[in-house]
């Protein structure tokens, strides 16, 4: 499995963005939109965006796999956020026209407590050994997903710590037109970030599972490479999202050679998301469970992503 960039912080847009005072179609009750201009951003150009690898941006929640209690563990995203008083001060600073001075954070006093097992995300700025908040006033971080933690029950449904495996969706290694669901050793995924998708995540834009039979999967970031992307021009990308079957995705993430990640979301181009009939849902999927510890190797072909009952049956062997 090829390792690409790790999502440890907020990704910048490939274009310079502007704020328009119109109701957002992305976030309810947000009175403005963030839209892309036709100008490529300096961050994208500095990262050599033209030689970067374009991949599908998947709509889920970000996860991370690293060591905990001496073994590979799945970690859920948990940003440390400011308390009410500090948040009010920060909002007033952002709205002030005289905010030429830098906002000063007191990390020890301005932020809500987090669990002792919380760790800050990599690549975030540090000051005197303390992780510093990003431009949104949050400190990105992670907490380990314990098996019986109800808050992260859907996260824990995709891992089995006894067998040290995770339920992964990716392209079939021999046929890029097929998707494959398999139990992958957590050790093979160490230090990677992944996207958790499924029935109870982000409104389930891919229509996976059901209330009676919920289904959740992990997708390594960068797993779905885009083969026939047009030129990096606003109108060409807009036409690609609107008119191509491959363009029926949430967005694009470019993995740059220096490790930088650059994105564009459909909302940046004024397009809607979620949409019916996503590109992911159009592909057939193979369920390939090589459960050597149980002495079983099972392979099932389903017509599309919604055909989840055989997978639920097989995964129950590991529960």
C-alpha atoms as a PDB file:
ATOM      1  CA  UNK A   1       0.000   0.000   0.000  1.00  0.00           C
ATOM      2  CA  UNK A   2       1.625   3.240  -1.154  1.00  0.00           C
ATOM      3  CA  UNK A   3       2.046   5.869   1.562  1.00  0.00           C
ATOM      4  CA  UNK A   4       1.136   9.420   0.626  1.00  0.00           C
ATOM      5  CA  UNK A   5       0.703  12.606   2.625  1.00  0.00           C
ATOM      6  CA  UNK A   6      -0.743  12.443   6.123  1.00  0.00           C
ATOM      7  CA  UNK A   7      -3.672  14.726   7.017  1.00  0.00           C
ATOM      8  CA  UNK A   8      -2.486  16.344  10.240  1.00  0.00           C
ATOM      9  CA  UNK A   9      -3.755  19.891   9.724  1.00  0.00           C
ATOM     10  CA  UNK A  10      -6.222  21.964   7.727  1.00  0.00           C
ATOM     11  CA  UNK A  11      -5.525  21.806   3.990  1.00  0.00           C
ATOM     12  CA  UNK A  12      -5.377  25.047   1.968  1.00  0.00           C
ATOM     13  CA  UNK A  13      -7.386  25.517  -1.216  1.00  0.00           C
ATOM     14  CA  UNK A  14      -5.579  25.265  -4.554  1.00  0.00           C
ATOM     15  CA  UNK A  15      -7.062  28.646  -5.496  1.00  0.00           C
ATOM     16  CA  UNK A  16      -7.052  31.962  -3.697  1.00  0.00           C
ATOM     17  CA  UNK A  17     -10.443  32.161  -1.974  1.00  0.00           C
ATOM     18  CA  UNK A  18     -12.835  35.021  -1.287  1.00  0.00           C
ATOM     19  CA  UNK A  19     -15.763  35.396   1.097  1.00  0.00           C
ATOM     20  CA  UNK A  20     -19.193  36.240  -0.278  1.00  0.00           C
ATOM     21  CA  UNK A  21     -22.024  37.378   1.952  1.00  0.00           C
ATOM     22  CA  UNK A  22     -24.458  34.661   0.854  1.00  0.00           C
ATOM     23  CA  UNK A  23     -25.913  31.759   2.882  1.00  0.00           C
ATOM     24  CA  UNK A  24     -23.576  28.772   2.810  1.00  0.00           C
ATOM     25  CA  UNK A  25     -24.698  25.579   1.096  1.00  0.00           C
ATOM     26  CA  UNK A  26     -22.045  23.650   3.020  1.00  0.00           C
ATOM     27  CA  UNK A  27     -22.781  24.634   6.618  1.00  0.00           C
ATOM     28  CA  UNK A  28     -26.256  25.322   7.930  1.00  0.00           C
ATOM     29  CA  UNK A  29     -26.723  28.769   9.546  1.00  0.00           C
ATOM     30  CA  UNK A  30     -23.433  30.050   8.070  1.00  0.00           C
ATOM     31  CA  UNK A  31     -24.269  33.438   6.478  1.00  0.00           C
ATOM     32  CA  UNK A  32     -21.347  33.443   4.015  1.00  0.00           C
ATOM     33  CA  UNK A  33     -19.673  31.331   1.337  1.00  0.00           C
ATOM     34  CA  UNK A  34     -15.980  30.716   0.756  1.00  0.00           C
ATOM     35  CA  UNK A  35     -15.488  30.564  -3.009  1.00  0.00           C
ATOM     36  CA  UNK A  36     -12.465  29.999  -5.209  1.00  0.00           C
ATOM     37  CA  UNK A  37     -11.175  32.724  -7.492  1.00  0.00           C
ATOM     38  CA  UNK A  38      -9.408  31.921 -10.759  1.00  0.00           C
ATOM     39  CA  UNK A  39      -5.961  32.537  -9.239  1.00  0.00           C
ATOM     40  CA  UNK A  40      -3.809  29.656  -8.017  1.00  0.00           C
ATOM     41  CA  UNK A  41      -2.666  30.137  -4.423  1.00  0.00           C
ATOM     42  CA  UNK A  42       0.966  30.818  -3.479  1.00  0.00           C
ATOM     43  CA  UNK A  43       0.953  27.715  -1.264  1.00  0.00           C
ATOM     44  CA  UNK A  44      -0.062  25.560  -4.232  1.00  0.00           C
ATOM     45  CA  UNK A  45       2.596  27.057  -6.490  1.00  0.00           C
ATOM     46  CA  UNK A  46       5.303  26.820  -3.805  1.00  0.00           C
ATOM     47  CA  UNK A  47       4.452  23.119  -3.359  1.00  0.00           C
ATOM     48  CA  UNK A  48       4.816  22.527  -7.143  1.00  0.00           C
ATOM     49  CA  UNK A  49       1.156  21.659  -7.606  1.00  0.00           C
ATOM     50  CA  UNK A  50       1.710  20.832 -11.287  1.00  0.00           C
ATOM     51  CA  UNK A  51       3.748  17.732 -10.401  1.00  0.00           C
ATOM     52  CA  UNK A  52       1.499  16.664  -7.496  1.00  0.00           C
ATOM     53  CA  UNK A  53      -0.615  13.507  -7.423  1.00  0.00           C
ATOM     54  CA  UNK A  54      -4.380  14.253  -7.560  1.00  0.00           C
ATOM     55  CA  UNK A  55      -6.646  12.015  -5.465  1.00  0.00           C
ATOM     56  CA  UNK A  56     -10.304  11.892  -4.508  1.00  0.00           C
ATOM     57  CA  UNK A  57     -11.316  13.810  -1.401  1.00  0.00           C
ATOM     58  CA  UNK A  58     -13.558  11.413   0.533  1.00  0.00           C
ATOM     59  CA  UNK A  59     -16.363  12.689   2.767  1.00  0.00           C
ATOM     60  CA  UNK A  60     -16.052  11.184   6.249  1.00  0.00           C
ATOM     61  CA  UNK A  61     -14.167  11.829   9.472  1.00  0.00           C
ATOM     62  CA  UNK A  62     -10.399  11.796   9.770  1.00  0.00           C
ATOM     63  CA  UNK A  63      -8.592   9.023  11.687  1.00  0.00           C
ATOM     64  CA  UNK A  64      -4.986   8.175  12.441  1.00  0.00           C
ATOM     65  CA  UNK A  65      -3.168   4.922  13.176  1.00  0.00           C
ATOM     66  CA  UNK A  66      -0.242   4.975  15.568  1.00  0.00           C
ATOM     67  CA  UNK A  67       0.991   3.054  18.601  1.00  0.00           C
ATOM     68  CA  UNK A  68      -0.921   2.966  21.904  1.00  0.00           C
ATOM     69  CA  UNK A  69      -0.420   0.512  24.777  1.00  0.00           C
ATOM     70  CA  UNK A  70       2.385  -1.106  22.817  1.00  0.00           C
ATOM     71  CA  UNK A  71       0.335  -2.005  19.732  1.00  0.00           C
ATOM     72  CA  UNK A  72      -1.069  -0.323  16.601  1.00  0.00           C
ATOM     73  CA  UNK A  73      -4.251   1.582  17.440  1.00  0.00           C
ATOM     74  CA  UNK A  74      -6.901   3.600  15.642  1.00  0.00           C
ATOM     75  CA  UNK A  75      -7.144   7.219  16.830  1.00  0.00           C
ATOM     76  CA  UNK A  76     -10.092   9.579  16.344  1.00  0.00           C
ATOM     77  CA  UNK A  77      -9.764  13.268  15.545  1.00  0.00           C
ATOM     78  CA  UNK A  78     -10.326  15.521  18.551  1.00  0.00           C
ATOM     79  CA  UNK A  79      -9.443  19.191  18.274  1.00  0.00           C
ATOM     80  CA  UNK A  80      -8.721  21.051  21.472  1.00  0.00           C
ATOM     81  CA  UNK A  81     -10.973  24.123  21.416  1.00  0.00           C
ATOM     82  CA  UNK A  82     -10.903  27.375  23.391  1.00  0.00           C
ATOM     83  CA  UNK A  83     -13.172  27.914  26.374  1.00  0.00           C
ATOM     84  CA  UNK A  84     -16.068  30.387  26.090  1.00  0.00           C
ATOM     85  CA  UNK A  85     -14.136  33.409  27.335  1.00  0.00           C
ATOM     86  CA  UNK A  86     -11.146  32.832  25.056  1.00  0.00           C
ATOM     87  CA  UNK A  87     -13.382  32.037  22.103  1.00  0.00           C
ATOM     88  CA  UNK A  88     -15.251  35.329  22.581  1.00  0.00           C
ATOM     89  CA  UNK A  89     -11.979  37.272  22.683  1.00  0.00           C
ATOM     90  CA  UNK A  90     -10.730  35.492  19.548  1.00  0.00           C
ATOM     91  CA  UNK A  91     -13.944  36.203  17.620  1.00  0.00           C
ATOM     92  CA  UNK A  92     -13.788  39.868  18.597  1.00  0.00           C
ATOM     93  CA  UNK A  93     -10.190  39.949  17.382  1.00  0.00           C
ATOM     94  CA  UNK A  94     -11.140  38.416  14.023  1.00  0.00           C
ATOM     95  CA  UNK A  95     -14.023  40.849  13.537  1.00  0.00           C
ATOM     96  CA  UNK A  96     -11.997  43.899  14.539  1.00  0.00           C
ATOM     97  CA  UNK A  97     -10.722  46.144  11.753  1.00  0.00           C
ATOM     98  CA  UNK A  98      -7.717  47.022  13.881  1.00  0.00           C
ATOM     99  CA  UNK A  99      -6.311  43.523  14.259  1.00  0.00           C
ATOM    100  CA  UNK A 100      -2.836  44.210  12.921  1.00  0.00           C
ATOM    101  CA  UNK A 101      -1.390  42.870  16.177  1.00  0.00           C
ATOM    102  CA  UNK A 102      -1.035  39.125  16.564  1.00  0.00           C
ATOM    103  CA  UNK A 103      -3.537  37.408  18.833  1.00  0.00           C
ATOM    104  CA  UNK A 104      -1.860  35.941  21.906  1.00  0.00           C
ATOM    105  CA  UNK A 105      -3.012  32.579  23.222  1.00  0.00           C
ATOM    106  CA  UNK A 106      -2.403  31.271  26.720  1.00  0.00           C
ATOM    107  CA  UNK A 107      -2.558  27.571  25.950  1.00  0.00           C
ATOM    108  CA  UNK A 108      -2.679  26.516  29.597  1.00  0.00           C
ATOM    109  CA  UNK A 109      -5.658  28.756  30.465  1.00  0.00           C
ATOM    110  CA  UNK A 110      -7.567  29.434  27.222  1.00  0.00           C
ATOM    111  CA  UNK A 111      -8.456  25.888  26.183  1.00  0.00           C
ATOM    112  CA  UNK A 112     -10.900  23.254  27.322  1.00  0.00           C
ATOM    113  CA  UNK A 113      -9.391  20.158  28.962  1.00  0.00           C
ATOM    114  CA  UNK A 114      -8.823  17.035  26.893  1.00  0.00           C
ATOM    115  CA  UNK A 115      -8.312  13.396  27.959  1.00  0.00           C
ATOM    116  CA  UNK A 116      -4.860  12.521  29.278  1.00  0.00           C
ATOM    117  CA  UNK A 117      -4.341  10.187  26.319  1.00  0.00           C
ATOM    118  CA  UNK A 118      -4.856  13.062  23.824  1.00  0.00           C
ATOM    119  CA  UNK A 119      -1.897  13.857  21.569  1.00  0.00           C
ATOM    120  CA  UNK A 120      -1.450  16.891  19.295  1.00  0.00           C
ATOM    121  CA  UNK A 121      -1.369  16.354  15.563  1.00  0.00           C
ATOM    122  CA  UNK A 122       1.980  16.336  13.841  1.00  0.00           C
ATOM    123  CA  UNK A 123       3.224  19.371  11.908  1.00  0.00           C
ATOM    124  CA  UNK A 124       1.418  21.917  14.089  1.00  0.00           C
ATOM    125  CA  UNK A 125       3.416  24.838  15.430  1.00  0.00           C
ATOM    126  CA  UNK A 126       4.972  24.599  18.891  1.00  0.00           C
ATOM    127  CA  UNK A 127       5.936  27.363  21.292  1.00  0.00           C
ATOM    128  CA  UNK A 128       8.012  26.541  24.373  1.00  0.00           C
ATOM    129  CA  UNK A 129       7.024  22.904  23.979  1.00  0.00           C
ATOM    130  CA  UNK A 130       3.283  23.667  23.785  1.00  0.00           C
ATOM    131  CA  UNK A 131       1.220  22.970  20.650  1.00  0.00           C
ATOM    132  CA  UNK A 132      -0.266  26.207  19.272  1.00  0.00           C
ATOM    133  CA  UNK A 133      -3.735  26.668  17.735  1.00  0.00           C
ATOM    134  CA  UNK A 134      -4.268  27.058  14.007  1.00  0.00           C
ATOM    135  CA  UNK A 135      -5.872  30.023  12.242  1.00  0.00           C
ATOM    136  CA  UNK A 136      -9.299  28.829  13.431  1.00  0.00           C
ATOM    137  CA  UNK A 137      -8.275  28.813  17.083  1.00  0.00           C
ATOM    138  CA  UNK A 138      -8.212  25.008  17.359  1.00  0.00           C
ATOM    139  CA  UNK A 139      -5.366  22.660  18.268  1.00  0.00           C
ATOM    140  CA  UNK A 140      -5.776  19.568  16.049  1.00  0.00           C
ATOM    141  CA  UNK A 141      -5.181  16.286  17.833  1.00  0.00           C
ATOM    142  CA  UNK A 142      -6.096  12.656  18.361  1.00  0.00           C
ATOM    143  CA  UNK A 143      -7.497  10.294  21.006  1.00  0.00           C
ATOM    144  CA  UNK A 144      -7.203   6.481  20.917  1.00  0.00           C
ATOM    145  CA  UNK A 145     -10.352   4.555  20.042  1.00  0.00           C
ATOM    146  CA  UNK A 146     -11.031   2.183  22.919  1.00  0.00           C
ATOM    147  CA  UNK A 147     -13.185  -0.849  22.188  1.00  0.00           C
ATOM    148  CA  UNK A 148     -15.989  -0.048  24.648  1.00  0.00           C
ATOM    149  CA  UNK A 149     -16.057   3.753  24.290  1.00  0.00           C
ATOM    150  CA  UNK A 150     -19.631   4.544  23.164  1.00  0.00           C
ATOM    151  CA  UNK A 151     -18.610   7.975  21.876  1.00  0.00           C
ATOM    152  CA  UNK A 152     -16.476   6.272  19.224  1.00  0.00           C
ATOM    153  CA  UNK A 153     -18.528   3.122  18.668  1.00  0.00           C
ATOM    154  CA  UNK A 154     -18.558   3.554  14.879  1.00  0.00           C
ATOM    155  CA  UNK A 155     -14.802   4.002  14.856  1.00  0.00           C
ATOM    156  CA  UNK A 156     -14.314   0.838  16.894  1.00  0.00           C
ATOM    157  CA  UNK A 157     -16.588  -1.103  14.520  1.00  0.00           C
ATOM    158  CA  UNK A 158     -13.875  -1.029  11.822  1.00  0.00           C
ATOM    159  CA  UNK A 159     -10.995  -2.381  13.924  1.00  0.00           C
ATOM    160  CA  UNK A 160     -10.291  -5.561  15.849  1.00  0.00           C
ATOM    161  CA  UNK A 161      -7.451  -5.230  18.329  1.00  0.00           C
ATOM    162  CA  UNK A 162      -7.322  -8.955  19.110  1.00  0.00           C
ATOM    163  CA  UNK A 163      -6.423  -9.769  15.515  1.00  0.00           C
ATOM    164  CA  UNK A 164      -4.867  -6.306  14.949  1.00  0.00           C
ATOM    165  CA  UNK A 165      -6.719  -5.657  11.693  1.00  0.00           C
ATOM    166  CA  UNK A 166      -8.837  -2.867  10.194  1.00  0.00           C
ATOM    167  CA  UNK A 167     -11.621  -2.969   7.620  1.00  0.00           C
ATOM    168  CA  UNK A 168     -10.215  -1.128   4.595  1.00  0.00           C
ATOM    169  CA  UNK A 169     -11.763   0.000   1.303  1.00  0.00           C
ATOM    170  CA  UNK A 170      -9.360   0.641  -1.572  1.00  0.00           C
ATOM    171  CA  UNK A 171      -8.845  -0.136  -5.244  1.00  0.00           C
ATOM    172  CA  UNK A 172      -8.273  -3.763  -6.167  1.00  0.00           C
ATOM    173  CA  UNK A 173      -4.496  -4.175  -6.716  1.00  0.00           C
ATOM    174  CA  UNK A 174      -4.950  -5.845 -10.132  1.00  0.00           C
ATOM    175  CA  UNK A 175      -7.956  -3.908 -11.453  1.00  0.00           C
ATOM    176  CA  UNK A 176      -8.399  -0.152 -10.825  1.00  0.00           C
ATOM    177  CA  UNK A 177     -12.021  -0.469 -11.981  1.00  0.00           C
ATOM    178  CA  UNK A 178     -12.840  -2.579  -8.915  1.00  0.00           C
ATOM    179  CA  UNK A 179     -13.001  -1.677  -5.252  1.00  0.00           C
ATOM    180  CA  UNK A 180     -11.862  -4.140  -2.607  1.00  0.00           C
ATOM    181  CA  UNK A 181     -12.862  -4.423   1.043  1.00  0.00           C
ATOM    182  CA  UNK A 182     -10.369  -6.391   3.097  1.00  0.00           C
ATOM    183  CA  UNK A 183      -9.037  -6.876   6.614  1.00  0.00           C
ATOM    184  CA  UNK A 184      -5.629  -5.163   6.598  1.00  0.00           C
ATOM    185  CA  UNK A 185      -3.089  -5.529   9.435  1.00  0.00           C
ATOM    186  CA  UNK A 186      -2.936  -2.363  11.511  1.00  0.00           C
ATOM    187  CA  UNK A 187       0.854  -2.634  11.430  1.00  0.00           C
ATOM    188  CA  UNK A 188       0.720  -2.030   7.654  1.00  0.00           C
ATOM    189  CA  UNK A 189      -1.122   1.242   8.276  1.00  0.00           C
ATOM    190  CA  UNK A 190       1.081   2.740  11.003  1.00  0.00           C
ATOM    191  CA  UNK A 191       1.483   6.544  10.843  1.00  0.00           C
ATOM    192  CA  UNK A 192      -1.134   6.840   8.109  1.00  0.00           C
ATOM    193  CA  UNK A 193      -4.293   8.913   8.233  1.00  0.00           C
ATOM    194  CA  UNK A 194      -7.540   7.524   6.877  1.00  0.00           C
ATOM    195  CA  UNK A 195     -11.130   8.586   6.346  1.00  0.00           C
ATOM    196  CA  UNK A 196     -13.920   6.783   8.199  1.00  0.00           C
ATOM    197  CA  UNK A 197     -17.117   6.618   6.118  1.00  0.00           C
ATOM    198  CA  UNK A 198     -20.414   4.853   6.642  1.00  0.00           C
ATOM    199  CA  UNK A 199     -23.974   4.807   7.864  1.00  0.00           C
ATOM    200  CA  UNK A 200     -23.543   7.108  10.841  1.00  0.00           C
ATOM    201  CA  UNK A 201     -20.805   9.428   9.571  1.00  0.00           C
ATOM    202  CA  UNK A 202     -21.445  12.882   8.053  1.00  0.00           C
ATOM    203  CA  UNK A 203     -24.948  12.064   6.870  1.00  0.00           C
ATOM    204  CA  UNK A 204     -23.738   8.982   4.954  1.00  0.00           C
ATOM    205  CA  UNK A 205     -23.259  10.592   1.499  1.00  0.00           C
ATOM    206  CA  UNK A 206     -22.349   7.220  -0.035  1.00  0.00           C
ATOM    207  CA  UNK A 207     -25.475   5.442   1.227  1.00  0.00           C
ATOM    208  CA  UNK A 208     -23.658   2.645   3.044  1.00  0.00           C
ATOM    209  CA  UNK A 209     -25.556   0.195   5.226  1.00  0.00           C
ATOM    210  CA  UNK A 210     -28.825   0.949   6.995  1.00  0.00           C
ATOM    211  CA  UNK A 211     -30.156   1.708  10.461  1.00  0.00           C
ATOM    212  CA  UNK A 212     -30.685  -2.007  11.039  1.00  0.00           C
ATOM    213  CA  UNK A 213     -27.367  -3.021   9.458  1.00  0.00           C
ATOM    214  CA  UNK A 214     -24.896  -0.110   9.848  1.00  0.00           C
ATOM    215  CA  UNK A 215     -21.707  -0.383   7.837  1.00  0.00           C
ATOM    216  CA  UNK A 216     -18.495   1.586   8.241  1.00  0.00           C
ATOM    217  CA  UNK A 217     -15.167   1.434   6.415  1.00  0.00           C
ATOM    218  CA  UNK A 218     -11.745   3.085   6.472  1.00  0.00           C
ATOM    219  CA  UNK A 219     -10.181   4.565   3.331  1.00  0.00           C
ATOM    220  CA  UNK A 220      -6.460   5.480   3.424  1.00  0.00           C
ATOM    221  CA  UNK A 221      -5.925   9.066   2.353  1.00  0.00           C
ATOM    222  CA  UNK A 222      -4.743   9.165  -1.237  1.00  0.00           C
ATOM    223  CA  UNK A 223      -6.120   5.690  -2.013  1.00  0.00           C
ATOM    224  CA  UNK A 224      -8.292   6.847  -4.928  1.00  0.00           C
ATOM    225  CA  UNK A 225      -6.021   8.451  -7.503  1.00  0.00           C
ATOM    226  CA  UNK A 226      -7.581  10.556 -10.272  1.00  0.00           C
ATOM    227  CA  UNK A 227      -6.300   9.527 -13.678  1.00  0.00           C
ATOM    228  CA  UNK A 228      -7.743  12.039 -16.155  1.00  0.00           C
ATOM    229  CA  UNK A 229      -7.860  15.392 -14.404  1.00  0.00           C
ATOM    230  CA  UNK A 230      -8.054  18.506 -16.627  1.00  0.00           C
ATOM    231  CA  UNK A 231      -5.706  21.471 -16.429  1.00  0.00           C
ATOM    232  CA  UNK A 232      -5.506  23.480 -13.215  1.00  0.00           C
ATOM    233  CA  UNK A 233      -7.892  26.168 -14.397  1.00  0.00           C
ATOM    234  CA  UNK A 234     -11.048  27.182 -12.549  1.00  0.00           C
ATOM    235  CA  UNK A 235     -13.431  26.699 -15.499  1.00  0.00           C
ATOM    236  CA  UNK A 236     -11.849  23.397 -16.582  1.00  0.00           C
ATOM    237  CA  UNK A 237     -12.191  21.932 -13.086  1.00  0.00           C
ATOM    238  CA  UNK A 238     -15.747  23.233 -12.835  1.00  0.00           C
ATOM    239  CA  UNK A 239     -16.661  21.531 -16.130  1.00  0.00           C
ATOM    240  CA  UNK A 240     -14.977  18.318 -14.987  1.00  0.00           C
ATOM    241  CA  UNK A 241     -16.966  18.210 -11.731  1.00  0.00           C
ATOM    242  CA  UNK A 242     -20.217  18.959 -13.566  1.00  0.00           C
ATOM    243  CA  UNK A 243     -19.840  16.828 -16.680  1.00  0.00           C
ATOM    244  CA  UNK A 244     -17.563  13.840 -16.031  1.00  0.00           C
ATOM    245  CA  UNK A 245     -18.499  10.614 -14.280  1.00  0.00           C
ATOM    246  CA  UNK A 246     -15.152  10.706 -12.444  1.00  0.00           C
ATOM    247  CA  UNK A 247     -16.058  14.196 -11.248  1.00  0.00           C
ATOM    248  CA  UNK A 248     -18.935  12.981  -9.081  1.00  0.00           C
ATOM    249  CA  UNK A 249     -16.810  13.268  -5.946  1.00  0.00           C
ATOM    250  CA  UNK A 250     -16.634  15.631  -2.968  1.00  0.00           C
ATOM    251  CA  UNK A 251     -13.377  17.226  -4.051  1.00  0.00           C
ATOM    252  CA  UNK A 252      -9.730  16.760  -4.962  1.00  0.00           C
ATOM    253  CA  UNK A 253      -6.649  16.499  -2.748  1.00  0.00           C
ATOM    254  CA  UNK A 254      -3.245  16.978  -4.374  1.00  0.00           C
ATOM    255  CA  UNK A 255      -0.362  15.136  -2.685  1.00  0.00           C
ATOM    256  CA  UNK A 256       2.726  17.246  -3.371  1.00  0.00           C
ATOM    257  CA  UNK A 257       6.297  15.997  -3.479  1.00  0.00           C
ATOM    258  CA  UNK A 258       7.237  17.967  -0.360  1.00  0.00           C
ATOM    259  CA  UNK A 259       4.436  16.297   1.649  1.00  0.00           C
ATOM    260  CA  UNK A 260       2.118  19.287   1.411  1.00  0.00           C
ATOM    261  CA  UNK A 261      -1.579  18.596   0.781  1.00  0.00           C
ATOM    262  CA  UNK A 262      -3.690  21.007  -1.302  1.00  0.00           C
ATOM    263  CA  UNK A 263      -7.435  20.662  -1.865  1.00  0.00           C
ATOM    264  CA  UNK A 264     -10.460  21.951  -3.711  1.00  0.00           C
ATOM    265  CA  UNK A 265     -14.014  21.190  -2.607  1.00  0.00           C
ATOM    266  CA  UNK A 266     -17.085  21.281  -4.837  1.00  0.00           C
ATOM    267  CA  UNK A 267     -18.372  24.104  -2.609  1.00  0.00           C
ATOM    268  CA  UNK A 268     -15.324  26.198  -3.529  1.00  0.00           C
ATOM    269  CA  UNK A 269     -16.648  26.146  -7.107  1.00  0.00           C
ATOM    270  CA  UNK A 270     -20.241  26.878  -6.134  1.00  0.00           C
ATOM    271  CA  UNK A 271     -21.344  23.261  -6.634  1.00  0.00           C
ATOM    272  CA  UNK A 272     -23.528  21.156  -4.344  1.00  0.00           C
ATOM    273  CA  UNK A 273     -22.495  18.273  -2.130  1.00  0.00           C
ATOM    274  CA  UNK A 274     -23.673  15.625  -1.325  1.00  0.00           C
ATOM    275  CA  UNK A 275     -24.967  14.479  -4.698  1.00  0.00           C
ATOM    276  CA  UNK A 276     -26.802  11.360  -5.900  1.00  0.00           C
ATOM    277  CA  UNK A 277     -24.912   8.589  -7.711  1.00  0.00           C
ATOM    278  CA  UNK A 278     -21.360   9.325  -6.592  1.00  0.00           C
ATOM    279  CA  UNK A 279     -18.434   7.929  -8.549  1.00  0.00           C
ATOM    280  CA  UNK A 280     -17.534   5.631  -5.671  1.00  0.00           C
ATOM    281  CA  UNK A 281     -20.999   4.069  -5.710  1.00  0.00           C
ATOM    282  CA  UNK A 282     -20.752   3.310  -9.432  1.00  0.00           C
ATOM    283  CA  UNK A 283     -17.938   0.792  -8.997  1.00  0.00           C
ATOM    284  CA  UNK A 284     -18.332  -2.922  -8.241  1.00  0.00           C
ATOM    285  CA  UNK A 285     -16.739  -4.083  -5.019  1.00  0.00           C
ATOM    286  CA  UNK A 286     -14.998  -7.308  -4.008  1.00  0.00           C
ATOM    287  CA  UNK A 287     -14.983  -8.460  -0.389  1.00  0.00           C
ATOM    288  CA  UNK A 288     -11.733 -10.292   0.189  1.00  0.00           C
ATOM    289  CA  UNK A 289     -11.364 -11.625   3.735  1.00  0.00           C
ATOM    290  CA  UNK A 290      -8.113 -13.530   4.208  1.00  0.00           C
ATOM    291  CA  UNK A 291      -8.534 -14.451   7.870  1.00  0.00           C
ATOM    292  CA  UNK A 292      -5.527 -16.708   8.303  1.00  0.00           C
ATOM    293  CA  UNK A 293      -5.800 -16.797  12.074  1.00  0.00           C
ATOM    294  CA  UNK A 294      -9.239 -18.307  11.675  1.00  0.00           C
ATOM    295  CA  UNK A 295      -8.155 -20.637   8.902  1.00  0.00           C
ATOM    296  CA  UNK A 296     -10.505 -18.993   6.394  1.00  0.00           C
ATOM    297  CA  UNK A 297     -10.108 -17.164   3.112  1.00  0.00           C
ATOM    298  CA  UNK A 298     -13.334 -15.892   1.577  1.00  0.00           C
ATOM    299  CA  UNK A 299     -13.901 -13.811  -1.550  1.00  0.00           C
ATOM    300  CA  UNK A 300     -17.294 -12.355  -2.483  1.00  0.00           C
ATOM    301  CA  UNK A 301     -18.189 -10.059  -5.373  1.00  0.00           C
ATOM    302  CA  UNK A 302     -20.983  -7.517  -4.917  1.00  0.00           C
ATOM    303  CA  UNK A 303     -22.573  -5.391  -7.613  1.00  0.00           C
ATOM    304  CA  UNK A 304     -22.026  -2.077  -5.833  1.00  0.00           C
ATOM    305  CA  UNK A 305     -21.118  -0.469  -2.538  1.00  0.00           C
ATOM    306  CA  UNK A 306     -24.617  -0.796  -1.098  1.00  0.00           C
ATOM    307  CA  UNK A 307     -24.471  -4.607  -1.131  1.00  0.00           C
ATOM    308  CA  UNK A 308     -23.265  -4.894   2.444  1.00  0.00           C
ATOM    309  CA  UNK A 309     -24.866  -7.947   4.034  1.00  0.00           C
ATOM    310  CA  UNK A 310     -22.161 -10.462   2.970  1.00  0.00           C
ATOM    311  CA  UNK A 311     -19.528  -8.154   4.467  1.00  0.00           C
ATOM    312  CA  UNK A 312     -21.445  -7.804   7.712  1.00  0.00           C
ATOM    313  CA  UNK A 313     -21.625 -11.581   7.938  1.00  0.00           C
ATOM    314  CA  UNK A 314     -17.896 -12.039   7.388  1.00  0.00           C
ATOM    315  CA  UNK A 315     -16.811  -9.210   9.691  1.00  0.00           C
ATOM    316  CA  UNK A 316     -18.913 -10.715  12.481  1.00  0.00           C
ATOM    317  CA  UNK A 317     -16.352 -13.543  12.684  1.00  0.00           C
ATOM    318  CA  UNK A 318     -13.900 -10.983  14.082  1.00  0.00           C
ATOM    319  CA  UNK A 319     -16.281  -9.278  16.498  1.00  0.00           C
END
